[in-house]
PDB file of N, CA and C in Angstrom:
ATOM      1  N   MET A   1      64.405 100.102  91.949  1.00  0.00           N
ATOM      2  CA  MET A   1      65.279 100.734  92.935  1.00  0.00           C
ATOM      3  C   MET A   1      66.711 100.694  92.415  1.00  0.00           C
ATOM      4  N   SER A   2      67.367 101.825  92.431  1.00  0.00           N
ATOM      5  CA  SER A   2      68.724 101.876  91.885  1.00  0.00           C
ATOM      6  C   SER A   2      69.752 101.493  92.933  1.00  0.00           C
ATOM      7  N   LYS A   3      70.860 100.997  92.450  1.00  0.00           N
ATOM      8  CA  LYS A   3      71.962 100.600  93.319  1.00  0.00           C
ATOM      9  C   LYS A   3      72.785 101.836  93.660  1.00  0.00           C
ATOM     10  N   ARG A   4      73.226 101.924  94.907  1.00  0.00           N
ATOM     11  CA  ARG A   4      74.039 103.064  95.333  1.00  0.00           C
ATOM     12  C   ARG A   4      75.395 103.034  94.652  1.00  0.00           C
ATOM     13  N   LYS A   5      75.908 104.210  94.349  1.00  0.00           N
ATOM     14  CA  LYS A   5      77.208 104.316  93.706  1.00  0.00           C
ATOM     15  C   LYS A   5      78.105 105.207  94.560  1.00  0.00           C
ATOM     16  N   CYS A   6      79.271 104.702  94.867  1.00  0.00           N
ATOM     17  CA  CYS A   6      80.234 105.449  95.659  1.00  0.00           C
ATOM     18  C   CYS A   6      81.308 105.992  94.716  1.00  0.00           C
ATOM     19  N   LEU A   7      81.369 107.295  94.596  1.00  0.00           N
ATOM     20  CA  LEU A   7      82.315 107.929  93.682  1.00  0.00           C
ATOM     21  C   LEU A   7      83.690 108.073  94.322  1.00  0.00           C
ATOM     22  N   SER A   8      84.718 107.890  93.522  1.00  0.00           N
ATOM     23  CA  SER A   8      86.080 108.121  94.000  1.00  0.00           C
ATOM     24  C   SER A   8      86.351 109.623  94.019  1.00  0.00           C
ATOM     25  N   ILE A   9      87.403 110.013  94.700  1.00  0.00           N
ATOM     26  CA  ILE A   9      87.800 111.419  94.739  1.00  0.00           C
ATOM     27  C   ILE A   9      88.099 111.899  93.317  1.00  0.00           C
ATOM     28  N   LYS A  10      88.709 111.040  92.532  1.00  0.00           N
ATOM     29  CA  LYS A  10      89.025 111.384  91.140  1.00  0.00           C
ATOM     30  C   LYS A  10      87.746 111.670  90.356  1.00  0.00           C
ATOM     31  N   GLU A  11      86.727 110.823  90.530  1.00  0.00           N
ATOM     32  CA  GLU A  11      85.453 111.035  89.838  1.00  0.00           C
ATOM     33  C   GLU A  11      84.777 112.323  90.316  1.00  0.00           C
ATOM     34  N   LYS A  12      84.862 112.588  91.605  1.00  0.00           N
ATOM     35  CA  LYS A  12      84.270 113.815  92.136  1.00  0.00           C
ATOM     36  C   LYS A  12      84.955 115.050  91.554  1.00  0.00           C
ATOM     37  N   ASN A  13      86.275 114.965  91.369  1.00  0.00           N
ATOM     38  CA  ASN A  13      86.989 116.078  90.740  1.00  0.00           C
ATOM     39  C   ASN A  13      86.588 116.239  89.276  1.00  0.00           C
ATOM     40  N   LEU A  14      86.350 115.124  88.588  1.00  0.00           N
ATOM     41  CA  LEU A  14      85.870 115.193  87.201  1.00  0.00           C
ATOM     42  C   LEU A  14      84.497 115.858  87.141  1.00  0.00           C
ATOM     43  N   ILE A  15      83.641 115.517  88.083  1.00  0.00           N
ATOM     44  CA  ILE A  15      82.314 116.133  88.144  1.00  0.00           C
ATOM     45  C   ILE A  15      82.447 117.635  88.354  1.00  0.00           C
ATOM     46  N   LEU A  16      83.297 118.036  89.286  1.00  0.00           N
ATOM     47  CA  LEU A  16      83.498 119.465  89.544  1.00  0.00           C
ATOM     48  C   LEU A  16      84.055 120.186  88.321  1.00  0.00           C
ATOM     49  N   HIS A  17      84.916 119.515  87.592  1.00  0.00           N
ATOM     50  CA  HIS A  17      85.458 120.095  86.360  1.00  0.00           C
ATOM     51  C   HIS A  17      84.333 120.331  85.353  1.00  0.00           C
ATOM     52  N   GLU A  18      83.443 119.362  85.231  1.00  0.00           N
ATOM     53  CA  GLU A  18      82.324 119.511  84.293  1.00  0.00           C
ATOM     54  C   GLU A  18      81.376 120.619  84.732  1.00  0.00           C
ATOM     55  N   VAL A  19      81.159 120.750  86.034  1.00  0.00           N
ATOM     56  CA  VAL A  19      80.319 121.841  86.542  1.00  0.00           C
ATOM     57  C   VAL A  19      80.962 123.177  86.176  1.00  0.00           C
ATOM     58  N   ASP A  20      82.278 123.274  86.358  1.00  0.00           N
ATOM     59  CA  ASP A  20      83.005 124.506  86.033  1.00  0.00           C
ATOM     60  C   ASP A  20      82.962 124.817  84.541  1.00  0.00           C
ATOM     61  N   GLU A  21      82.903 123.767  83.726  1.00  0.00           N
ATOM     62  CA  GLU A  21      82.848 123.946  82.273  1.00  0.00           C
ATOM     63  C   GLU A  21      81.458 124.358  81.790  1.00  0.00           C
ATOM     64  N   GLY A  22      80.493 124.341  82.702  1.00  0.00           N
ATOM     65  CA  GLY A  22      79.141 124.768  82.344  1.00  0.00           C
ATOM     66  C   GLY A  22      78.241 123.653  81.828  1.00  0.00           C
ATOM     67  N   VAL A  23      78.649 122.394  82.017  1.00  0.00           N
ATOM     68  CA  VAL A  23      77.810 121.269  81.600  1.00  0.00           C
ATOM     69  C   VAL A  23      76.562 121.275  82.479  1.00  0.00           C
ATOM     70  N   LYS A  24      75.411 121.018  81.842  1.00  0.00           N
ATOM     71  CA  LYS A  24      74.148 121.016  82.583  1.00  0.00           C
ATOM     72  C   LYS A  24      74.162 119.931  83.648  1.00  0.00           C
ATOM     73  N   LYS A  25      73.609 120.279  84.805  1.00  0.00           N
ATOM     74  CA  LYS A  25      73.583 119.329  85.922  1.00  0.00           C
ATOM     75  C   LYS A  25      72.852 118.042  85.550  1.00  0.00           C
ATOM     76  N   LYS A  26      71.802 118.163  84.771  1.00  0.00           N
ATOM     77  CA  LYS A  26      71.042 116.994  84.341  1.00  0.00           C
ATOM     78  C   LYS A  26      71.936 116.041  83.535  1.00  0.00           C
ATOM     79  N   ASP A  27      72.793 116.602  82.689  1.00  0.00           N
ATOM     80  CA  ASP A  27      73.696 115.782  81.874  1.00  0.00           C
ATOM     81  C   ASP A  27      74.783 115.121  82.733  1.00  0.00           C
ATOM     82  N   ILE A  28      75.260 115.836  83.741  1.00  0.00           N
ATOM     83  CA  ILE A  28      76.275 115.272  84.642  1.00  0.00           C
ATOM     84  C   ILE A  28      75.692 114.105  85.416  1.00  0.00           C
ATOM     85  N   VAL A  29      74.472 114.280  85.922  1.00  0.00           N
ATOM     86  CA  VAL A  29      73.783 113.230  86.673  1.00  0.00           C
ATOM     87  C   VAL A  29      73.648 111.978  85.814  1.00  0.00           C
ATOM     88  N   LEU A  30      73.250 112.138  84.571  1.00  0.00           N
ATOM     89  CA  LEU A  30      73.091 110.990  83.665  1.00  0.00           C
ATOM     90  C   LEU A  30      74.435 110.347  83.332  1.00  0.00           C
ATOM     91  N   LYS A  31      75.441 111.164  83.060  1.00  0.00           N
ATOM     92  CA  LYS A  31      76.756 110.644  82.682  1.00  0.00           C
ATOM     93  C   LYS A  31      77.379 109.799  83.795  1.00  0.00           C
ATOM     94  N   PHE A  32      77.279 110.269  85.028  1.00  0.00           N
ATOM     95  CA  PHE A  32      77.916 109.574  86.145  1.00  0.00           C
ATOM     96  C   PHE A  32      76.977 108.599  86.859  1.00  0.00           C
ATOM     97  N   GLY A  33      75.714 108.595  86.459  1.00  0.00           N
ATOM     98  CA  GLY A  33      74.763 107.657  87.046  1.00  0.00           C
ATOM     99  C   GLY A  33      74.510 107.890  88.522  1.00  0.00           C
ATOM    100  N   ILE A  34      74.382 109.161  88.885  1.00  0.00           N
ATOM    101  CA  ILE A  34      74.165 109.516  90.289  1.00  0.00           C
ATOM    102  C   ILE A  34      72.863 110.304  90.429  1.00  0.00           C
ATOM    103  N   PRO A  35      72.265 110.287  91.598  1.00  0.00           N
ATOM    104  CA  PRO A  35      71.065 111.107  91.809  1.00  0.00           C
ATOM    105  C   PRO A  35      71.436 112.586  91.958  1.00  0.00           C
ATOM    106  N   PRO A  36      70.495 113.478  91.675  1.00  0.00           N
ATOM    107  CA  PRO A  36      70.778 114.921  91.766  1.00  0.00           C
ATOM    108  C   PRO A  36      71.279 115.361  93.143  1.00  0.00           C
ATOM    109  N   ASN A  37      70.784 114.737  94.207  1.00  0.00           N
ATOM    110  CA  ASN A  37      71.247 115.161  95.541  1.00  0.00           C
ATOM    111  C   ASN A  37      72.722 114.804  95.762  1.00  0.00           C
ATOM    112  N   SER A  38      73.209 113.735  95.116  1.00  0.00           N
ATOM    113  CA  SER A  38      74.642 113.403  95.217  1.00  0.00           C
ATOM    114  C   SER A  38      75.488 114.462  94.521  1.00  0.00           C
ATOM    115  N   LEU A  39      74.992 114.945  93.386  1.00  0.00           N
ATOM    116  CA  LEU A  39      75.693 116.016  92.677  1.00  0.00           C
ATOM    117  C   LEU A  39      75.742 117.262  93.557  1.00  0.00           C
ATOM    118  N   SER A  40      74.637 117.580  94.197  1.00  0.00           N
ATOM    119  CA  SER A  40      74.600 118.745  95.085  1.00  0.00           C
ATOM    120  C   SER A  40      75.597 118.599  96.229  1.00  0.00           C
ATOM    121  N   THR A  41      75.721 117.386  96.763  1.00  0.00           N
ATOM    122  CA  THR A  41      76.663 117.139  97.856  1.00  0.00           C
ATOM    123  C   THR A  41      78.104 117.317  97.389  1.00  0.00           C
ATOM    124  N   VAL A  42      78.408 116.836  96.192  1.00  0.00           N
ATOM    125  CA  VAL A  42      79.758 116.999  95.636  1.00  0.00           C
ATOM    126  C   VAL A  42      80.073 118.484  95.479  1.00  0.00           C
ATOM    127  N   ILE A  43      79.119 119.233  94.943  1.00  0.00           N
ATOM    128  CA  ILE A  43      79.330 120.670  94.738  1.00  0.00           C
ATOM    129  C   ILE A  43      79.491 121.379  96.085  1.00  0.00           C
ATOM    130  N   LYS A  44      78.678 120.996  97.064  1.00  0.00           N
ATOM    131  CA  LYS A  44      78.739 121.608  98.393  1.00  0.00           C
ATOM    132  C   LYS A  44      80.096 121.364  99.056  1.00  0.00           C
ATOM    133  N   ASN A  45      80.681 120.180  98.812  1.00  0.00           N
ATOM    134  CA  ASN A  45      81.960 119.815  99.423  1.00  0.00           C
ATOM    135  C   ASN A  45      83.147 120.101  98.506  1.00  0.00           C
ATOM    136  N   ARG A  46      82.967 120.991  97.559  1.00  0.00           N
ATOM    137  CA  ARG A  46      83.995 121.328  96.561  1.00  0.00           C
ATOM    138  C   ARG A  46      85.363 121.579  97.188  1.00  0.00           C
ATOM    139  N   ASP A  47      85.439 122.441  98.195  1.00  0.00           N
ATOM    140  CA  ASP A  47      86.735 122.803  98.790  1.00  0.00           C
ATOM    141  C   ASP A  47      87.430 121.587  99.393  1.00  0.00           C
ATOM    142  N   LYS A  48      86.694 120.771 100.123  1.00  0.00           N
ATOM    143  CA  LYS A  48      87.282 119.580 100.743  1.00  0.00           C
ATOM    144  C   LYS A  48      87.782 118.613  99.673  1.00  0.00           C
ATOM    145  N   ILE A  49      86.997 118.440  98.616  1.00  0.00           N
ATOM    146  CA  ILE A  49      87.361 117.496  97.553  1.00  0.00           C
ATOM    147  C   ILE A  49      88.589 117.976  96.797  1.00  0.00           C
ATOM    148  N   GLN A  50      88.597 119.238  96.424  1.00  0.00           N
ATOM    149  CA  GLN A  50      89.712 119.761  95.627  1.00  0.00           C
ATOM    150  C   GLN A  50      90.996 119.897  96.439  1.00  0.00           C
ATOM    151  N   ASN A  51      90.875 120.091  97.733  1.00  0.00           N
ATOM    152  CA  ASN A  51      92.066 120.248  98.573  1.00  0.00           C
ATOM    153  C   ASN A  51      92.528 118.947  99.198  1.00  0.00           C
ATOM    154  N   TYR A  52      91.806 117.859  98.931  1.00  0.00           N
ATOM    155  CA  TYR A  52      92.162 116.579  99.521  1.00  0.00           C
ATOM    156  C   TYR A  52      93.413 116.046  98.852  1.00  0.00           C
ATOM    157  N   ASP A  53      94.448 115.828  99.653  1.00  0.00           N
ATOM    158  CA  ASP A  53      95.728 115.327  99.135  1.00  0.00           C
ATOM    159  C   ASP A  53      95.738 113.814  99.286  1.00  0.00           C
ATOM    160  N   SER A  54      95.520 113.135  98.187  1.00  0.00           N
ATOM    161  CA  SER A  54      95.479 111.674  98.237  1.00  0.00           C
ATOM    162  C   SER A  54      96.446 111.108  97.220  1.00  0.00           C
ATOM    163  N   SER A  55      97.326 110.259  97.670  1.00  0.00           N
ATOM    164  CA  SER A  55      98.241 109.596  96.740  1.00  0.00           C
ATOM    165  C   SER A  55      97.504 108.483  96.005  1.00  0.00           C
ATOM    166  N   ASN A  56      96.370 108.076  96.534  1.00  0.00           N
ATOM    167  CA  ASN A  56      95.569 107.032  95.913  1.00  0.00           C
ATOM    168  C   ASN A  56      94.353 107.682  95.271  1.00  0.00           C
ATOM    169  N   SER A  57      94.373 107.866  93.949  1.00  0.00           N
ATOM    170  CA  SER A  57      93.286 108.546  93.262  1.00  0.00           C
ATOM    171  C   SER A  57      92.008 107.719  93.238  1.00  0.00           C
ATOM    172  N   CYS A  58      92.074 106.466  93.679  1.00  0.00           N
ATOM    173  CA  CYS A  58      90.887 105.614  93.734  1.00  0.00           C
ATOM    174  C   CYS A  58      90.170 105.735  95.075  1.00  0.00           C
ATOM    175  N   SER A  59      90.731 106.520  95.968  1.00  0.00           N
ATOM    176  CA  SER A  59      90.131 106.700  97.288  1.00  0.00           C
ATOM    177  C   SER A  59      88.707 107.206  97.142  1.00  0.00           C
ATOM    178  N   LYS A  60      87.818 106.703  97.979  1.00  0.00           N
ATOM    179  CA  LYS A  60      86.420 107.086  97.874  1.00  0.00           C
ATOM    180  C   LYS A  60      85.952 107.988  99.005  1.00  0.00           C
ATOM    181  N   ARG A  61      86.670 108.039 100.079  1.00  0.00           N
ATOM    182  CA  ARG A  61      86.257 108.833 101.231  1.00  0.00           C
ATOM    183  C   ARG A  61      87.291 109.921 101.524  1.00  0.00           C
ATOM    184  N   LEU A  62      86.774 111.036 102.013  1.00  0.00           N
ATOM    185  CA  LEU A  62      87.654 112.105 102.462  1.00  0.00           C
ATOM    186  C   LEU A  62      88.058 111.769 103.883  1.00  0.00           C
ATOM    187  N   LYS A  63      89.227 111.224 104.016  1.00  0.00           N
ATOM    188  CA  LYS A  63      89.694 110.793 105.332  1.00  0.00           C
ATOM    189  C   LYS A  63      90.346 111.970 106.042  1.00  0.00           C
ATOM    190  N   THR A  64      89.895 112.194 107.239  1.00  0.00           N
ATOM    191  CA  THR A  64      90.466 113.275 108.019  1.00  0.00           C
ATOM    192  C   THR A  64      90.994 112.728 109.336  1.00  0.00           C
ATOM    193  N   CYS A  65      91.924 113.420 109.872  1.00  0.00           N
ATOM    194  CA  CYS A  65      92.533 113.030 111.134  1.00  0.00           C
ATOM    195  C   CYS A  65      91.849 113.813 112.250  1.00  0.00           C
ATOM    196  N   VAL A  66      91.361 113.099 113.256  1.00  0.00           N
ATOM    197  CA  VAL A  66      90.681 113.755 114.364  1.00  0.00           C
ATOM    198  C   VAL A  66      91.671 114.595 115.166  1.00  0.00           C
ATOM    199  N   TYR A  67      92.853 114.060 115.364  1.00  0.00           N
ATOM    200  CA  TYR A  67      93.888 114.749 116.139  1.00  0.00           C
ATOM    201  C   TYR A  67      95.020 115.155 115.193  1.00  0.00           C
ATOM    202  N   GLU A  68      94.759 116.184 114.386  1.00  0.00           N
ATOM    203  CA  GLU A  68      95.732 116.579 113.365  1.00  0.00           C
ATOM    204  C   GLU A  68      97.080 116.977 113.955  1.00  0.00           C
ATOM    205  N   ASP A  69      97.066 117.674 115.086  1.00  0.00           N
ATOM    206  CA  ASP A  69      98.332 118.115 115.663  1.00  0.00           C
ATOM    207  C   ASP A  69      99.157 116.929 116.176  1.00  0.00           C
ATOM    208  N   VAL A  70      98.491 115.870 116.634  1.00  0.00           N
ATOM    209  CA  VAL A  70      99.209 114.657 117.036  1.00  0.00           C
ATOM    210  C   VAL A  70      99.828 114.015 115.799  1.00  0.00           C
ATOM    211  N   GLY A  71      99.052 113.938 114.723  1.00  0.00           N
ATOM    212  CA  GLY A  71      99.559 113.379 113.470  1.00  0.00           C
ATOM    213  C   GLY A  71     100.757 114.149 112.947  1.00  0.00           C
ATOM    214  N   GLU A  72     100.688 115.472 113.036  1.00  0.00           N
ATOM    215  CA  GLU A  72     101.805 116.304 112.585  1.00  0.00           C
ATOM    216  C   GLU A  72     103.045 116.081 113.451  1.00  0.00           C
ATOM    217  N   ALA A  73     102.851 115.951 114.761  1.00  0.00           N
ATOM    218  CA  ALA A  73     103.975 115.721 115.666  1.00  0.00           C
ATOM    219  C   ALA A  73     104.631 114.369 115.381  1.00  0.00           C
ATOM    220  N   VAL A  74     103.806 113.346 115.172  1.00  0.00           N
ATOM    221  CA  VAL A  74     104.340 112.014 114.869  1.00  0.00           C
ATOM    222  C   VAL A  74     105.081 112.042 113.539  1.00  0.00           C
ATOM    223  N   LEU A  75     104.521 112.708 112.549  1.00  0.00           N
ATOM    224  CA  LEU A  75     105.168 112.789 111.238  1.00  0.00           C
ATOM    225  C   LEU A  75     106.510 113.512 111.329  1.00  0.00           C
ATOM    226  N   LYS A  76     106.553 114.574 112.102  1.00  0.00           N
ATOM    227  CA  LYS A  76     107.813 115.306 112.294  1.00  0.00           C
ATOM    228  C   LYS A  76     108.854 114.412 112.971  1.00  0.00           C
ATOM    229  N   TRP A  77     108.402 113.653 113.966  1.00  0.00           N
ATOM    230  CA  TRP A  77     109.295 112.724 114.662  1.00  0.00           C
ATOM    231  C   TRP A  77     109.809 111.649 113.702  1.00  0.00           C
ATOM    232  N   ILE A  78     108.926 111.129 112.838  1.00  0.00           N
ATOM    233  CA  ILE A  78     109.327 110.115 111.851  1.00  0.00           C
ATOM    234  C   ILE A  78     110.418 110.674 110.946  1.00  0.00           C
ATOM    235  N   HIS A  79     110.228 111.902 110.470  1.00  0.00           N
ATOM    236  CA  HIS A  79     111.238 112.519 109.591  1.00  0.00           C
ATOM    237  C   HIS A  79     112.570 112.711 110.323  1.00  0.00           C
ATOM    238  N   THR A  80     112.495 113.071 111.600  1.00  0.00           N
ATOM    239  CA  THR A  80     113.718 113.226 112.389  1.00  0.00           C
ATOM    240  C   THR A  80     114.450 111.896 112.516  1.00  0.00           C
ATOM    241  N   MET A  81     113.705 110.840 112.801  1.00  0.00           N
ATOM    242  CA  MET A  81     114.303 109.504 112.922  1.00  0.00           C
ATOM    243  C   MET A  81     114.892 109.043 111.588  1.00  0.00           C
ATOM    244  N   ARG A  82     114.178 109.328 110.516  1.00  0.00           N
ATOM    245  CA  ARG A  82     114.656 108.934 109.192  1.00  0.00           C
ATOM    246  C   ARG A  82     115.957 109.669 108.855  1.00  0.00           C
ATOM    247  N   ASP A  83     116.022 110.965 109.216  1.00  0.00           N
ATOM    248  CA  ASP A  83     117.243 111.745 108.964  1.00  0.00           C
ATOM    249  C   ASP A  83     118.434 111.205 109.750  1.00  0.00           C
ATOM    250  N   LYS A  84     118.159 110.592 110.898  1.00  0.00           N
ATOM    251  CA  LYS A  84     119.219 110.005 111.718  1.00  0.00           C
ATOM    252  C   LYS A  84     119.475 108.542 111.351  1.00  0.00           C
ATOM    253  N   ASN A  85     118.829 108.065 110.289  1.00  0.00           N
ATOM    254  CA  ASN A  85     118.947 106.675 109.829  1.00  0.00           C
ATOM    255  C   ASN A  85     118.549 105.657 110.895  1.00  0.00           C
ATOM    256  N   VAL A  86     117.571 106.012 111.691  1.00  0.00           N
ATOM    257  CA  VAL A  86     117.045 105.102 112.710  1.00  0.00           C
ATOM    258  C   VAL A  86     115.864 104.359 112.099  1.00  0.00           C
ATOM    259  N   GLN A  87     115.916 103.035 112.147  1.00  0.00           N
ATOM    260  CA  GLN A  87     114.816 102.241 111.619  1.00  0.00           C
ATOM    261  C   GLN A  87     113.723 102.131 112.673  1.00  0.00           C
ATOM    262  N   ILE A  88     112.498 102.382 112.246  1.00  0.00           N
ATOM    263  CA  ILE A  88     111.367 102.299 113.160  1.00  0.00           C
ATOM    264  C   ILE A  88     110.261 101.468 112.516  1.00  0.00           C
ATOM    265  N   SER A  89     109.542 100.740 113.348  1.00  0.00           N
ATOM    266  CA  SER A  89     108.457  99.897 112.847  1.00  0.00           C
ATOM    267  C   SER A  89     107.124 100.612 113.027  1.00  0.00           C
ATOM    268  N   GLY A  90     106.121 100.096 112.352  1.00  0.00           N
ATOM    269  CA  GLY A  90     104.777 100.652 112.465  1.00  0.00           C
ATOM    270  C   GLY A  90     104.267 100.610 113.886  1.00  0.00           C
ATOM    271  N   HIS A  91     104.541  99.516 114.573  1.00  0.00           N
ATOM    272  CA  HIS A  91     104.103  99.365 115.957  1.00  0.00           C
ATOM    273  C   HIS A  91     104.730 100.440 116.846  1.00  0.00           C
ATOM    274  N   PHE A  92     105.999 100.720 116.641  1.00  0.00           N
ATOM    275  CA  PHE A  92     106.703 101.731 117.427  1.00  0.00           C
ATOM    276  C   PHE A  92     106.130 103.124 117.149  1.00  0.00           C
ATOM    277  N   ILE A  93     105.771 103.381 115.901  1.00  0.00           N
ATOM    278  CA  ILE A  93     105.187 104.673 115.527  1.00  0.00           C
ATOM    279  C   ILE A  93     103.848 104.864 116.243  1.00  0.00           C
ATOM    280  N   VAL A  94     103.033 103.816 116.245  1.00  0.00           N
ATOM    281  CA  VAL A  94     101.729 103.878 116.909  1.00  0.00           C
ATOM    282  C   VAL A  94     101.907 104.151 118.399  1.00  0.00           C
ATOM    283  N   GLU A  95     102.866 103.476 119.020  1.00  0.00           N
ATOM    284  CA  GLU A  95     103.126 103.690 120.442  1.00  0.00           C
ATOM    285  C   GLU A  95     103.640 105.100 120.727  1.00  0.00           C
ATOM    286  N   LYS A  96     104.366 105.669 119.795  1.00  0.00           N
ATOM    287  CA  LYS A  96     104.950 107.005 119.981  1.00  0.00           C
ATOM    288  C   LYS A  96     103.864 108.085 119.969  1.00  0.00           C
ATOM    289  N   ALA A  97     102.738 107.829 119.355  1.00  0.00           N
ATOM    290  CA  ALA A  97     101.671 108.827 119.270  1.00  0.00           C
ATOM    291  C   ALA A  97     101.081 109.151 120.642  1.00  0.00           C
ATOM    292  N   LEU A  98     101.022 108.171 121.525  1.00  0.00           N
ATOM    293  CA  LEU A  98     100.397 108.374 122.837  1.00  0.00           C
ATOM    294  C   LEU A  98     101.076 109.475 123.668  1.00  0.00           C
ATOM    295  N   PRO A  99     102.414 109.465 123.813  1.00  0.00           N
ATOM    296  CA  PRO A  99     103.040 110.557 124.574  1.00  0.00           C
ATOM    297  C   PRO A  99     102.819 111.935 123.939  1.00  0.00           C
ATOM    298  N   PHE A 100     102.809 111.996 122.597  1.00  0.00           N
ATOM    299  CA  PHE A 100     102.546 113.275 121.933  1.00  0.00           C
ATOM    300  C   PHE A 100     101.140 113.758 122.265  1.00  0.00           C
ATOM    301  N   ALA A 101     100.176 112.846 122.253  1.00  0.00           N
ATOM    302  CA  ALA A 101      98.795 113.211 122.560  1.00  0.00           C
ATOM    303  C   ALA A 101      98.668 113.715 123.990  1.00  0.00           C
ATOM    304  N   LYS A 102      99.355 113.053 124.909  1.00  0.00           N
ATOM    305  CA  LYS A 102      99.305 113.469 126.326  1.00  0.00           C
ATOM    306  C   LYS A 102      99.855 114.890 126.487  1.00  0.00           C
ATOM    307  N   VAL A 103     100.987 115.152 125.833  1.00  0.00           N
ATOM    308  CA  VAL A 103     101.599 116.480 125.912  1.00  0.00           C
ATOM    309  C   VAL A 103     100.668 117.542 125.318  1.00  0.00           C
ATOM    310  N   LEU A 104      99.936 117.170 124.265  1.00  0.00           N
ATOM    311  CA  LEU A 104      99.030 118.111 123.609  1.00  0.00           C
ATOM    312  C   LEU A 104      97.673 118.205 124.304  1.00  0.00           C
ATOM    313  N   GLY A 105      97.498 117.447 125.389  1.00  0.00           N
ATOM    314  CA  GLY A 105      96.296 117.573 126.193  1.00  0.00           C
ATOM    315  C   GLY A 105      95.124 116.681 125.809  1.00  0.00           C
ATOM    316  N   TYR A 106      95.375 115.626 125.045  1.00  0.00           N
ATOM    317  CA  TYR A 106      94.317 114.700 124.644  1.00  0.00           C
ATOM    318  C   TYR A 106      94.358 113.456 125.533  1.00  0.00           C
ATOM    319  N   ASP A 107      93.723 113.537 126.682  1.00  0.00           N
ATOM    320  CA  ASP A 107      93.732 112.407 127.616  1.00  0.00           C
ATOM    321  C   ASP A 107      92.903 111.242 127.105  1.00  0.00           C
ATOM    322  N   GLU A 108      91.913 111.532 126.254  1.00  0.00           N
ATOM    323  CA  GLU A 108      91.043 110.464 125.727  1.00  0.00           C
ATOM    324  C   GLU A 108      91.610 109.817 124.458  1.00  0.00           C
ATOM    325  N   PHE A 109      92.775 110.237 124.034  1.00  0.00           N
ATOM    326  CA  PHE A 109      93.382 109.743 122.787  1.00  0.00           C
ATOM    327  C   PHE A 109      93.659 108.247 122.864  1.00  0.00           C
ATOM    328  N   ARG A 110      93.322 107.552 121.789  1.00  0.00           N
ATOM    329  CA  ARG A 110      93.644 106.127 121.631  1.00  0.00           C
ATOM    330  C   ARG A 110      94.387 105.961 120.305  1.00  0.00           C
ATOM    331  N   GLU A 111      95.586 105.406 120.386  1.00  0.00           N
ATOM    332  CA  GLU A 111      96.377 105.260 119.159  1.00  0.00           C
ATOM    333  C   GLU A 111      95.745 104.228 118.229  1.00  0.00           C
ATOM    334  N   SER A 112      96.001 104.397 116.942  1.00  0.00           N
ATOM    335  CA  SER A 112      95.501 103.459 115.936  1.00  0.00           C
ATOM    336  C   SER A 112      96.455 103.461 114.748  1.00  0.00           C
ATOM    337  N   ASN A 113      96.276 102.484 113.889  1.00  0.00           N
ATOM    338  CA  ASN A 113      97.112 102.403 112.698  1.00  0.00           C
ATOM    339  C   ASN A 113      96.774 103.530 111.733  1.00  0.00           C
TER     340      ASN A 113
END
């Protein structure tokens, strides 16, 4: 029984590059030590993998925000505060997300780090 392997986003992009270069799928599977169905999943999720903006190239999961518009509102607010040289803590940022969610109509929203 083989041990499961979790590929980083960087490795998944390397796999996609090899697929684009015309390397045989069998050779890619052997090189990266993954089962064929994992290769198929990487290829199927090509757009998500290639468009994933990660400052940490070792990241292994495609992290998505459930409430993207809340995240965007909080980020805009953070930039506004930074432009005004207002110091804010992580705890304050988390608390600020709740009013934005309420305004955007997410009554079930629960703030998190």
